[in-house]
Amino acid sequence: MKTEVHNTILQVSEVQELTAGTANELKEEVRLRFVPELTDIELHCEGLEFVDSSGLGTLISMQKLAVLRGGSFRIINPSPSVMQVLELTQLHRIFTIIGN
């Protein structure tokens, strides 16, 4: 996992899977890196192929963090398999999804 700051955006990338085994690590890393000056979170999904229910919970937590600061949470370039999970759970209606 990699995190970078660009202006007021925390960009998260190089996440390979979001499962019960990895979701808490991502959630904690985002909480640590999402300093008060930041308002938005972007999850760049290149390479992310699998998301389970724990991973979905982490995505929802990331969105809540951003919204509490008056910002937004964006999912960038989700794979077809990740997009399918988001659609099946109707979360594609809640998240801002860019690309693919």
PDB file of N, CA and C in Angstrom:
ATOM      1  N   MET A   1       0.843  -1.172   0.000  1.00  0.00           N
ATOM      2  CA  MET A   1       0.000   0.000   0.000  1.00  0.00           C
ATOM      3  C   MET A   1       0.893   1.242   0.000  1.00  0.00           C
ATOM      4  N   LYS A   2       0.426   2.229  -0.732  1.00  0.00           N
ATOM      5  CA  LYS A   2       1.172   3.483  -0.843  1.00  0.00           C
ATOM      6  C   LYS A   2       0.203   4.633  -0.611  1.00  0.00           C
ATOM      7  N   THR A   3       0.655   5.647   0.136  1.00  0.00           N
ATOM      8  CA  THR A   3      -0.162   6.843   0.325  1.00  0.00           C
ATOM      9  C   THR A   3       0.659   8.063  -0.069  1.00  0.00           C
ATOM     10  N   GLU A   4      -0.020   9.017  -0.701  1.00  0.00           N
ATOM     11  CA  GLU A   4       0.593  10.275  -1.100  1.00  0.00           C
ATOM     12  C   GLU A   4      -0.404  11.396  -0.860  1.00  0.00           C
ATOM     13  N   VAL A   5       0.130  12.591  -0.594  1.00  0.00           N
ATOM     14  CA  VAL A   5      -0.719  13.759  -0.410  1.00  0.00           C
ATOM     15  C   VAL A   5      -0.507  14.703  -1.586  1.00  0.00           C
ATOM     16  N   HIS A   6      -1.618  15.133  -2.192  1.00  0.00           N
ATOM     17  CA  HIS A   6      -1.614  16.118  -3.275  1.00  0.00           C
ATOM     18  C   HIS A   6      -2.651  17.181  -2.922  1.00  0.00           C
ATOM     19  N   ASN A   7      -2.160  18.369  -2.598  1.00  0.00           N
ATOM     20  CA  ASN A   7      -3.029  19.466  -2.149  1.00  0.00           C
ATOM     21  C   ASN A   7      -3.825  19.009  -0.924  1.00  0.00           C
ATOM     22  N   THR A   8      -5.137  18.898  -1.040  1.00  0.00           N
ATOM     23  CA  THR A   8      -5.966  18.480   0.095  1.00  0.00           C
ATOM     24  C   THR A   8      -6.447  17.033  -0.040  1.00  0.00           C
ATOM     25  N   ILE A   9      -5.778  16.268  -0.905  1.00  0.00           N
ATOM     26  CA  ILE A   9      -6.225  14.903  -1.214  1.00  0.00           C
ATOM     27  C   ILE A   9      -5.223  13.880  -0.694  1.00  0.00           C
ATOM     28  N   LEU A  10      -5.718  12.895   0.039  1.00  0.00           N
ATOM     29  CA  LEU A  10      -4.920  11.735   0.393  1.00  0.00           C
ATOM     30  C   LEU A  10      -5.181  10.670  -0.665  1.00  0.00           C
ATOM     31  N   GLN A  11      -4.159  10.319  -1.419  1.00  0.00           N
ATOM     32  CA  GLN A  11      -4.292   9.292  -2.454  1.00  0.00           C
ATOM     33  C   GLN A  11      -3.723   7.977  -1.928  1.00  0.00           C
ATOM     34  N   VAL A  12      -4.514   6.935  -2.029  1.00  0.00           N
ATOM     35  CA  VAL A  12      -4.118   5.600  -1.595  1.00  0.00           C
ATOM     36  C   VAL A  12      -4.050   4.723  -2.839  1.00  0.00           C
ATOM     37  N   SER A  13      -2.946   3.993  -2.993  1.00  0.00           N
ATOM     38  CA  SER A  13      -2.788   3.130  -4.162  1.00  0.00           C
ATOM     39  C   SER A  13      -2.012   1.869  -3.769  1.00  0.00           C
ATOM     40  N   GLU A  14      -1.836   1.007  -4.748  1.00  0.00           N
ATOM     41  CA  GLU A  14      -1.090  -0.247  -4.592  1.00  0.00           C
ATOM     42  C   GLU A  14      -1.692  -1.161  -3.529  1.00  0.00           C
ATOM     43  N   VAL A  15      -3.027  -1.171  -3.474  1.00  0.00           N
ATOM     44  CA  VAL A  15      -3.753  -2.091  -2.598  1.00  0.00           C
ATOM     45  C   VAL A  15      -4.147  -3.280  -3.469  1.00  0.00           C
ATOM     46  N   GLN A  16      -3.732  -4.479  -3.079  1.00  0.00           N
ATOM     47  CA  GLN A  16      -3.990  -5.647  -3.915  1.00  0.00           C
ATOM     48  C   GLN A  16      -5.300  -6.336  -3.589  1.00  0.00           C
ATOM     49  N   GLU A  17      -5.668  -6.326  -2.312  1.00  0.00           N
ATOM     50  CA  GLU A  17      -6.966  -6.874  -1.926  1.00  0.00           C
ATOM     51  C   GLU A  17      -7.438  -6.195  -0.651  1.00  0.00           C
ATOM     52  N   LEU A  18      -8.741  -6.145  -0.506  1.00  0.00           N
ATOM     53  CA  LEU A  18      -9.361  -5.587   0.697  1.00  0.00           C
ATOM     54  C   LEU A  18     -10.191  -6.693   1.328  1.00  0.00           C
ATOM     55  N   THR A  19      -9.577  -7.384   2.271  1.00  0.00           N
ATOM     56  CA  THR A  19     -10.215  -8.521   2.926  1.00  0.00           C
ATOM     57  C   THR A  19     -10.101  -8.367   4.432  1.00  0.00           C
ATOM     58  N   ALA A  20     -10.655  -9.328   5.148  1.00  0.00           N
ATOM     59  CA  ALA A  20     -10.572  -9.304   6.608  1.00  0.00           C
ATOM     60  C   ALA A  20      -9.123  -9.233   7.069  1.00  0.00           C
ATOM     61  N   GLY A  21      -8.206  -9.790   6.298  1.00  0.00           N
ATOM     62  CA  GLY A  21      -6.805  -9.785   6.671  1.00  0.00           C
ATOM     63  C   GLY A  21      -6.067  -8.492   6.380  1.00  0.00           C
ATOM     64  N   THR A  22      -6.607  -7.648   5.509  1.00  0.00           N
ATOM     65  CA  THR A  22      -5.896  -6.423   5.109  1.00  0.00           C
ATOM     66  C   THR A  22      -6.671  -5.137   5.391  1.00  0.00           C
ATOM     67  N   ALA A  23      -7.961  -5.242   5.599  1.00  0.00           N
ATOM     68  CA  ALA A  23      -8.813  -4.055   5.706  1.00  0.00           C
ATOM     69  C   ALA A  23      -8.446  -3.178   6.904  1.00  0.00           C
ATOM     70  N   ASN A  24      -8.175  -3.782   8.052  1.00  0.00           N
ATOM     71  CA  ASN A  24      -7.841  -2.977   9.238  1.00  0.00           C
ATOM     72  C   ASN A  24      -6.539  -2.217   9.054  1.00  0.00           C
ATOM     73  N   GLU A  25      -5.574  -2.832   8.389  1.00  0.00           N
ATOM     74  CA  GLU A  25      -4.303  -2.150   8.129  1.00  0.00           C
ATOM     75  C   GLU A  25      -4.533  -0.903   7.274  1.00  0.00           C
ATOM     76  N   LEU A  26      -5.342  -1.043   6.225  1.00  0.00           N
ATOM     77  CA  LEU A  26      -5.642   0.108   5.366  1.00  0.00           C
ATOM     78  C   LEU A  26      -6.387   1.184   6.151  1.00  0.00           C
ATOM     79  N   LYS A  27      -7.376   0.782   6.916  1.00  0.00           N
ATOM     80  CA  LYS A  27      -8.168   1.745   7.684  1.00  0.00           C
ATOM     81  C   LYS A  27      -7.278   2.538   8.652  1.00  0.00           C
ATOM     82  N   GLU A  28      -6.395   1.860   9.347  1.00  0.00           N
ATOM     83  CA  GLU A  28      -5.511   2.534  10.295  1.00  0.00           C
ATOM     84  C   GLU A  28      -4.512   3.445   9.589  1.00  0.00           C
ATOM     85  N   GLU A  29      -3.986   2.995   8.467  1.00  0.00           N
ATOM     86  CA  GLU A  29      -3.043   3.819   7.711  1.00  0.00           C
ATOM     87  C   GLU A  29      -3.719   5.105   7.231  1.00  0.00           C
ATOM     88  N   VAL A  30      -4.937   4.992   6.747  1.00  0.00           N
ATOM     89  CA  VAL A  30      -5.679   6.170   6.279  1.00  0.00           C
ATOM     90  C   VAL A  30      -5.949   7.116   7.446  1.00  0.00           C
ATOM     91  N   ARG A  31      -6.343   6.577   8.589  1.00  0.00           N
ATOM     92  CA  ARG A  31      -6.598   7.439   9.755  1.00  0.00           C
ATOM     93  C   ARG A  31      -5.343   8.189  10.178  1.00  0.00           C
ATOM     94  N   LEU A  32      -4.202   7.522  10.131  1.00  0.00           N
ATOM     95  CA  LEU A  32      -2.942   8.168  10.505  1.00  0.00           C
ATOM     96  C   LEU A  32      -2.535   9.257   9.513  1.00  0.00           C
ATOM     97  N   ARG A  33      -2.712   8.984   8.236  1.00  0.00           N
ATOM     98  CA  ARG A  33      -2.252   9.895   7.187  1.00  0.00           C
ATOM     99  C   ARG A  33      -3.241  11.009   6.857  1.00  0.00           C
ATOM    100  N   PHE A  34      -4.499  10.859   7.263  1.00  0.00           N
ATOM    101  CA  PHE A  34      -5.536  11.833   6.929  1.00  0.00           C
ATOM    102  C   PHE A  34      -5.501  12.966   7.957  1.00  0.00           C
ATOM    103  N   VAL A  35      -4.472  13.779   7.842  1.00  0.00           N
ATOM    104  CA  VAL A  35      -4.240  14.882   8.786  1.00  0.00           C
ATOM    105  C   VAL A  35      -5.292  15.972   8.583  1.00  0.00           C
ATOM    106  N   PRO A  36      -5.454  16.865   9.576  1.00  0.00           N
ATOM    107  CA  PRO A  36      -6.530  17.873   9.519  1.00  0.00           C
ATOM    108  C   PRO A  36      -6.546  18.760   8.280  1.00  0.00           C
ATOM    109  N   GLU A  37      -5.419  18.966   7.632  1.00  0.00           N
ATOM    110  CA  GLU A  37      -5.388  19.838   6.444  1.00  0.00           C
ATOM    111  C   GLU A  37      -6.030  19.174   5.218  1.00  0.00           C
ATOM    112  N   LEU A  38      -6.248  17.870   5.275  1.00  0.00           N
ATOM    113  CA  LEU A  38      -6.793  17.139   4.130  1.00  0.00           C
ATOM    114  C   LEU A  38      -8.303  17.024   4.229  1.00  0.00           C
ATOM    115  N   THR A  39      -8.963  17.000   3.067  1.00  0.00           N
ATOM    116  CA  THR A  39     -10.424  16.871   3.047  1.00  0.00           C
ATOM    117  C   THR A  39     -10.910  15.705   2.201  1.00  0.00           C
ATOM    118  N   ASP A  40     -10.134  15.292   1.211  1.00  0.00           N
ATOM    119  CA  ASP A  40     -10.582  14.263   0.264  1.00  0.00           C
ATOM    120  C   ASP A  40      -9.694  13.031   0.325  1.00  0.00           C
ATOM    121  N   ILE A  41     -10.307  11.884   0.007  1.00  0.00           N
ATOM    122  CA  ILE A  41      -9.567  10.623  -0.080  1.00  0.00           C
ATOM    123  C   ILE A  41      -9.867   9.998  -1.432  1.00  0.00           C
ATOM    124  N   GLU A  42      -8.812   9.562  -2.118  1.00  0.00           N
ATOM    125  CA  GLU A  42      -8.954   8.832  -3.375  1.00  0.00           C
ATOM    126  C   GLU A  42      -8.312   7.463  -3.217  1.00  0.00           C
ATOM    127  N   LEU A  43      -9.051   6.434  -3.578  1.00  0.00           N
ATOM    128  CA  LEU A  43      -8.510   5.077  -3.609  1.00  0.00           C
ATOM    129  C   LEU A  43      -8.294   4.697  -5.067  1.00  0.00           C
ATOM    130  N   HIS A  44      -7.037   4.613  -5.465  1.00  0.00           N
ATOM    131  CA  HIS A  44      -6.687   4.212  -6.830  1.00  0.00           C
ATOM    132  C   HIS A  44      -6.640   2.691  -6.869  1.00  0.00           C
ATOM    133  N   CYS A  45      -7.505   2.105  -7.668  1.00  0.00           N
ATOM    134  CA  CYS A  45      -7.752   0.663  -7.605  1.00  0.00           C
ATOM    135  C   CYS A  45      -6.975  -0.175  -8.609  1.00  0.00           C
ATOM    136  N   GLU A  46      -6.002   0.401  -9.298  1.00  0.00           N
ATOM    137  CA  GLU A  46      -5.216  -0.403 -10.215  1.00  0.00           C
ATOM    138  C   GLU A  46      -4.563  -1.526  -9.403  1.00  0.00           C
ATOM    139  N   GLY A  47      -4.814  -2.755  -9.778  1.00  0.00           N
ATOM    140  CA  GLY A  47      -4.253  -3.902  -9.069  1.00  0.00           C
ATOM    141  C   GLY A  47      -5.159  -4.477  -7.997  1.00  0.00           C
ATOM    142  N   LEU A  48      -6.222  -3.768  -7.627  1.00  0.00           N
ATOM    143  CA  LEU A  48      -7.165  -4.282  -6.631  1.00  0.00           C
ATOM    144  C   LEU A  48      -8.166  -5.187  -7.338  1.00  0.00           C
ATOM    145  N   GLU A  49      -8.136  -6.469  -6.995  1.00  0.00           N
ATOM    146  CA  GLU A  49      -8.999  -7.438  -7.675  1.00  0.00           C
ATOM    147  C   GLU A  49     -10.068  -8.053  -6.787  1.00  0.00           C
ATOM    148  N   PHE A  50      -9.929  -7.924  -5.466  1.00  0.00           N
ATOM    149  CA  PHE A  50     -10.880  -8.604  -4.585  1.00  0.00           C
ATOM    150  C   PHE A  50     -11.217  -7.741  -3.380  1.00  0.00           C
ATOM    151  N   VAL A  51     -12.512  -7.665  -3.082  1.00  0.00           N
ATOM    152  CA  VAL A  51     -13.013  -6.942  -1.907  1.00  0.00           C
ATOM    153  C   VAL A  51     -14.057  -7.824  -1.233  1.00  0.00           C
ATOM    154  N   ASP A  52     -13.886  -8.058   0.080  1.00  0.00           N
ATOM    155  CA  ASP A  52     -14.903  -8.802   0.816  1.00  0.00           C
ATOM    156  C   ASP A  52     -15.680  -7.839   1.718  1.00  0.00           C
ATOM    157  N   SER A  53     -16.519  -8.372   2.601  1.00  0.00           N
ATOM    158  CA  SER A  53     -17.367  -7.499   3.428  1.00  0.00           C
ATOM    159  C   SER A  53     -16.548  -6.615   4.358  1.00  0.00           C
ATOM    160  N   SER A  54     -15.424  -7.106   4.856  1.00  0.00           N
ATOM    161  CA  SER A  54     -14.564  -6.263   5.692  1.00  0.00           C
ATOM    162  C   SER A  54     -13.986  -5.109   4.877  1.00  0.00           C
ATOM    163  N   GLY A  55     -13.628  -5.399   3.646  1.00  0.00           N
ATOM    164  CA  GLY A  55     -13.120  -4.366   2.752  1.00  0.00           C
ATOM    165  C   GLY A  55     -14.175  -3.320   2.450  1.00  0.00           C
ATOM    166  N   LEU A  56     -15.416  -3.764   2.259  1.00  0.00           N
ATOM    167  CA  LEU A  56     -16.504  -2.810   2.022  1.00  0.00           C
ATOM    168  C   LEU A  56     -16.697  -1.902   3.238  1.00  0.00           C
ATOM    169  N   GLY A  57     -16.581  -2.479   4.420  1.00  0.00           N
ATOM    170  CA  GLY A  57     -16.679  -1.678   5.636  1.00  0.00           C
ATOM    171  C   GLY A  57     -15.590  -0.623   5.699  1.00  0.00           C
ATOM    172  N   THR A  58     -14.387  -0.972   5.259  1.00  0.00           N
ATOM    173  CA  THR A  58     -13.282  -0.019   5.234  1.00  0.00           C
ATOM    174  C   THR A  58     -13.561   1.103   4.237  1.00  0.00           C
ATOM    175  N   LEU A  59     -14.123   0.775   3.087  1.00  0.00           N
ATOM    176  CA  LEU A  59     -14.474   1.805   2.110  1.00  0.00           C
ATOM    177  C   LEU A  59     -15.495   2.776   2.693  1.00  0.00           C
ATOM    178  N   ILE A  60     -16.470   2.237   3.403  1.00  0.00           N
ATOM    179  CA  ILE A  60     -17.486   3.089   4.028  1.00  0.00           C
ATOM    180  C   ILE A  60     -16.846   3.977   5.093  1.00  0.00           C
ATOM    181  N   SER A  61     -15.915   3.428   5.864  1.00  0.00           N
ATOM    182  CA  SER A  61     -15.208   4.227   6.878  1.00  0.00           C
ATOM    183  C   SER A  61     -14.409   5.354   6.242  1.00  0.00           C
ATOM    184  N   MET A  62     -13.765   5.064   5.113  1.00  0.00           N
ATOM    185  CA  MET A  62     -12.995   6.087   4.418  1.00  0.00           C
ATOM    186  C   MET A  62     -13.909   7.206   3.927  1.00  0.00           C
ATOM    187  N   GLN A  63     -15.075   6.839   3.433  1.00  0.00           N
ATOM    188  CA  GLN A  63     -16.011   7.860   2.984  1.00  0.00           C
ATOM    189  C   GLN A  63     -16.475   8.721   4.154  1.00  0.00           C
ATOM    190  N   LYS A  64     -16.785   8.097   5.277  1.00  0.00           N
ATOM    191  CA  LYS A  64     -17.232   8.857   6.443  1.00  0.00           C
ATOM    192  C   LYS A  64     -16.171   9.851   6.902  1.00  0.00           C
ATOM    193  N   LEU A  65     -14.909   9.422   6.916  1.00  0.00           N
ATOM    194  CA  LEU A  65     -13.821  10.323   7.310  1.00  0.00           C
ATOM    195  C   LEU A  65     -13.804  11.578   6.432  1.00  0.00           C
ATOM    196  N   ALA A  66     -13.889  11.361   5.126  1.00  0.00           N
ATOM    197  CA  ALA A  66     -13.830  12.493   4.195  1.00  0.00           C
ATOM    198  C   ALA A  66     -15.055  13.398   4.336  1.00  0.00           C
ATOM    199  N   VAL A  67     -16.223  12.815   4.431  1.00  0.00           N
ATOM    200  CA  VAL A  67     -17.452  13.604   4.513  1.00  0.00           C
ATOM    201  C   VAL A  67     -17.489  14.430   5.800  1.00  0.00           C
ATOM    202  N   LEU A  68     -16.976  13.880   6.893  1.00  0.00           N
ATOM    203  CA  LEU A  68     -16.934  14.630   8.150  1.00  0.00           C
ATOM    204  C   LEU A  68     -16.077  15.887   8.039  1.00  0.00           C
ATOM    205  N   ARG A  69     -15.155  15.896   7.083  1.00  0.00           N
ATOM    206  CA  ARG A  69     -14.314  17.077   6.859  1.00  0.00           C
ATOM    207  C   ARG A  69     -14.853  17.963   5.739  1.00  0.00           C
ATOM    208  N   GLY A  70     -16.026  17.652   5.241  1.00  0.00           N
ATOM    209  CA  GLY A  70     -16.598  18.437   4.151  1.00  0.00           C
ATOM    210  C   GLY A  70     -16.018  18.068   2.801  1.00  0.00           C
ATOM    211  N   GLY A  71     -15.350  16.927   2.728  1.00  0.00           N
ATOM    212  CA  GLY A  71     -14.722  16.487   1.481  1.00  0.00           C
ATOM    213  C   GLY A  71     -15.466  15.328   0.852  1.00  0.00           C
ATOM    214  N   SER A  72     -14.743  14.587   0.023  1.00  0.00           N
ATOM    215  CA  SER A  72     -15.355  13.455  -0.657  1.00  0.00           C
ATOM    216  C   SER A  72     -14.385  12.283  -0.724  1.00  0.00           C
ATOM    217  N   PHE A  73     -14.946  11.119  -0.960  1.00  0.00           N
ATOM    218  CA  PHE A  73     -14.192   9.883  -1.146  1.00  0.00           C
ATOM    219  C   PHE A  73     -14.448   9.420  -2.568  1.00  0.00           C
ATOM    220  N   ARG A  74     -13.372   9.157  -3.312  1.00  0.00           N
ATOM    221  CA  ARG A  74     -13.510   8.725  -4.707  1.00  0.00           C
ATOM    222  C   ARG A  74     -12.779   7.407  -4.913  1.00  0.00           C
ATOM    223  N   ILE A  75     -13.423   6.531  -5.661  1.00  0.00           N
ATOM    224  CA  ILE A  75     -12.810   5.266  -6.076  1.00  0.00           C
ATOM    225  C   ILE A  75     -12.408   5.443  -7.530  1.00  0.00           C
ATOM    226  N   ILE A  76     -11.127   5.251  -7.810  1.00  0.00           N
ATOM    227  CA  ILE A  76     -10.586   5.505  -9.143  1.00  0.00           C
ATOM    228  C   ILE A  76     -10.240   4.186  -9.828  1.00  0.00           C
ATOM    229  N   ASN A  77     -10.766   3.998 -11.023  1.00  0.00           N
ATOM    230  CA  ASN A  77     -10.461   2.848 -11.891  1.00  0.00           C
ATOM    231  C   ASN A  77     -10.648   1.482 -11.234  1.00  0.00           C
ATOM    232  N   PRO A  78     -11.836   1.196 -10.714  1.00  0.00           N
ATOM    233  CA  PRO A  78     -12.045  -0.133 -10.140  1.00  0.00           C
ATOM    234  C   PRO A  78     -12.066  -1.197 -11.239  1.00  0.00           C
ATOM    235  N   SER A  79     -11.580  -2.376 -10.917  1.00  0.00           N
ATOM    236  CA  SER A  79     -11.605  -3.497 -11.865  1.00  0.00           C
ATOM    237  C   SER A  79     -13.051  -3.966 -12.039  1.00  0.00           C
ATOM    238  N   PRO A  80     -13.328  -4.738 -13.079  1.00  0.00           N
ATOM    239  CA  PRO A  80     -14.698  -5.253 -13.249  1.00  0.00           C
ATOM    240  C   PRO A  80     -15.175  -6.067 -12.048  1.00  0.00           C
ATOM    241  N   SER A  81     -14.300  -6.845 -11.429  1.00  0.00           N
ATOM    242  CA  SER A  81     -14.725  -7.655 -10.281  1.00  0.00           C
ATOM    243  C   SER A  81     -15.052  -6.782  -9.073  1.00  0.00           C
ATOM    244  N   VAL A  82     -14.281  -5.730  -8.849  1.00  0.00           N
ATOM    245  CA  VAL A  82     -14.574  -4.808  -7.743  1.00  0.00           C
ATOM    246  C   VAL A  82     -15.857  -4.035  -8.050  1.00  0.00           C
ATOM    247  N   MET A  83     -16.007  -3.608  -9.267  1.00  0.00           N
ATOM    248  CA  MET A  83     -17.222  -2.886  -9.664  1.00  0.00           C
ATOM    249  C   MET A  83     -18.459  -3.766  -9.477  1.00  0.00           C
ATOM    250  N   GLN A  84     -18.325  -5.046  -9.788  1.00  0.00           N
ATOM    251  CA  GLN A  84     -19.446  -5.969  -9.625  1.00  0.00           C
ATOM    252  C   GLN A  84     -19.874  -6.050  -8.154  1.00  0.00           C
ATOM    253  N   VAL A  85     -18.923  -6.127  -7.240  1.00  0.00           N
ATOM    254  CA  VAL A  85     -19.243  -6.164  -5.809  1.00  0.00           C
ATOM    255  C   VAL A  85     -19.930  -4.865  -5.390  1.00  0.00           C
ATOM    256  N   LEU A  86     -19.414  -3.744  -5.861  1.00  0.00           N
ATOM    257  CA  LEU A  86     -20.025  -2.454  -5.518  1.00  0.00           C
ATOM    258  C   LEU A  86     -21.460  -2.366  -6.042  1.00  0.00           C
ATOM    259  N   GLU A  87     -21.693  -2.897  -7.237  1.00  0.00           N
ATOM    260  CA  GLU A  87     -23.042  -2.870  -7.801  1.00  0.00           C
ATOM    261  C   GLU A  87     -23.975  -3.832  -7.065  1.00  0.00           C
ATOM    262  N   LEU A  88     -23.488  -5.019  -6.745  1.00  0.00           N
ATOM    263  CA  LEU A  88     -24.324  -6.000  -6.033  1.00  0.00           C
ATOM    264  C   LEU A  88     -24.749  -5.494  -4.663  1.00  0.00           C
ATOM    265  N   THR A  89     -23.900  -4.726  -4.030  1.00  0.00           N
ATOM    266  CA  THR A  89     -24.206  -4.193  -2.700  1.00  0.00           C
ATOM    267  C   THR A  89     -24.841  -2.801  -2.758  1.00  0.00           C
ATOM    268  N   GLN A  90     -25.054  -2.296  -3.960  1.00  0.00           N
ATOM    269  CA  GLN A  90     -25.640  -0.979  -4.201  1.00  0.00           C
ATOM    270  C   GLN A  90     -24.754   0.170  -3.717  1.00  0.00           C
ATOM    271  N   LEU A  91     -23.501  -0.117  -3.385  1.00  0.00           N
ATOM    272  CA  LEU A  91     -22.600   0.938  -2.924  1.00  0.00           C
ATOM    273  C   LEU A  91     -22.146   1.843  -4.057  1.00  0.00           C
ATOM    274  N   HIS A  92     -22.325   1.395  -5.294  1.00  0.00           N
ATOM    275  CA  HIS A  92     -21.983   2.261  -6.423  1.00  0.00           C
ATOM    276  C   HIS A  92     -22.871   3.503  -6.453  1.00  0.00           C
ATOM    277  N   ARG A  93     -23.992   3.448  -5.758  1.00  0.00           N
ATOM    278  CA  ARG A  93     -24.892   4.603  -5.680  1.00  0.00           C
ATOM    279  C   ARG A  93     -24.437   5.608  -4.624  1.00  0.00           C
ATOM    280  N   ILE A  94     -23.603   5.157  -3.708  1.00  0.00           N
ATOM    281  CA  ILE A  94     -23.145   6.004  -2.605  1.00  0.00           C
ATOM    282  C   ILE A  94     -21.770   6.599  -2.879  1.00  0.00           C
ATOM    283  N   PHE A  95     -20.879   5.799  -3.456  1.00  0.00           N
ATOM    284  CA  PHE A  95     -19.517   6.250  -3.718  1.00  0.00           C
ATOM    285  C   PHE A  95     -19.416   6.984  -5.043  1.00  0.00           C
ATOM    286  N   THR A  96     -18.469   7.897  -5.119  1.00  0.00           N
ATOM    287  CA  THR A  96     -18.111   8.511  -6.390  1.00  0.00           C
ATOM    288  C   THR A  96     -17.079   7.602  -7.039  1.00  0.00           C
ATOM    289  N   ILE A  97     -17.405   7.095  -8.229  1.00  0.00           N
ATOM    290  CA  ILE A  97     -16.534   6.160  -8.930  1.00  0.00           C
ATOM    291  C   ILE A  97     -16.114   6.799 -10.239  1.00  0.00           C
ATOM    292  N   ILE A  98     -14.795   6.850 -10.461  1.00  0.00           N
ATOM    293  CA  ILE A  98     -14.252   7.483 -11.667  1.00  0.00           C
ATOM    294  C   ILE A  98     -13.479   6.445 -12.465  1.00  0.00           C
ATOM    295  N   GLY A  99     -13.808   6.333 -13.741  1.00  0.00           N
ATOM    296  CA  GLY A  99     -13.110   5.410 -14.633  1.00  0.00           C
ATOM    297  C   GLY A  99     -13.707   4.030 -14.624  1.00  0.00           C
ATOM    298  N   ASN A 100     -13.324   3.291 -15.654  1.00  0.00           N
ATOM    299  CA  ASN A 100     -13.790   1.913 -15.859  1.00  0.00           C
ATOM    300  C   ASN A 100     -15.281   1.813 -15.632  1.00  0.00           C
TER     301      ASN A 100
END
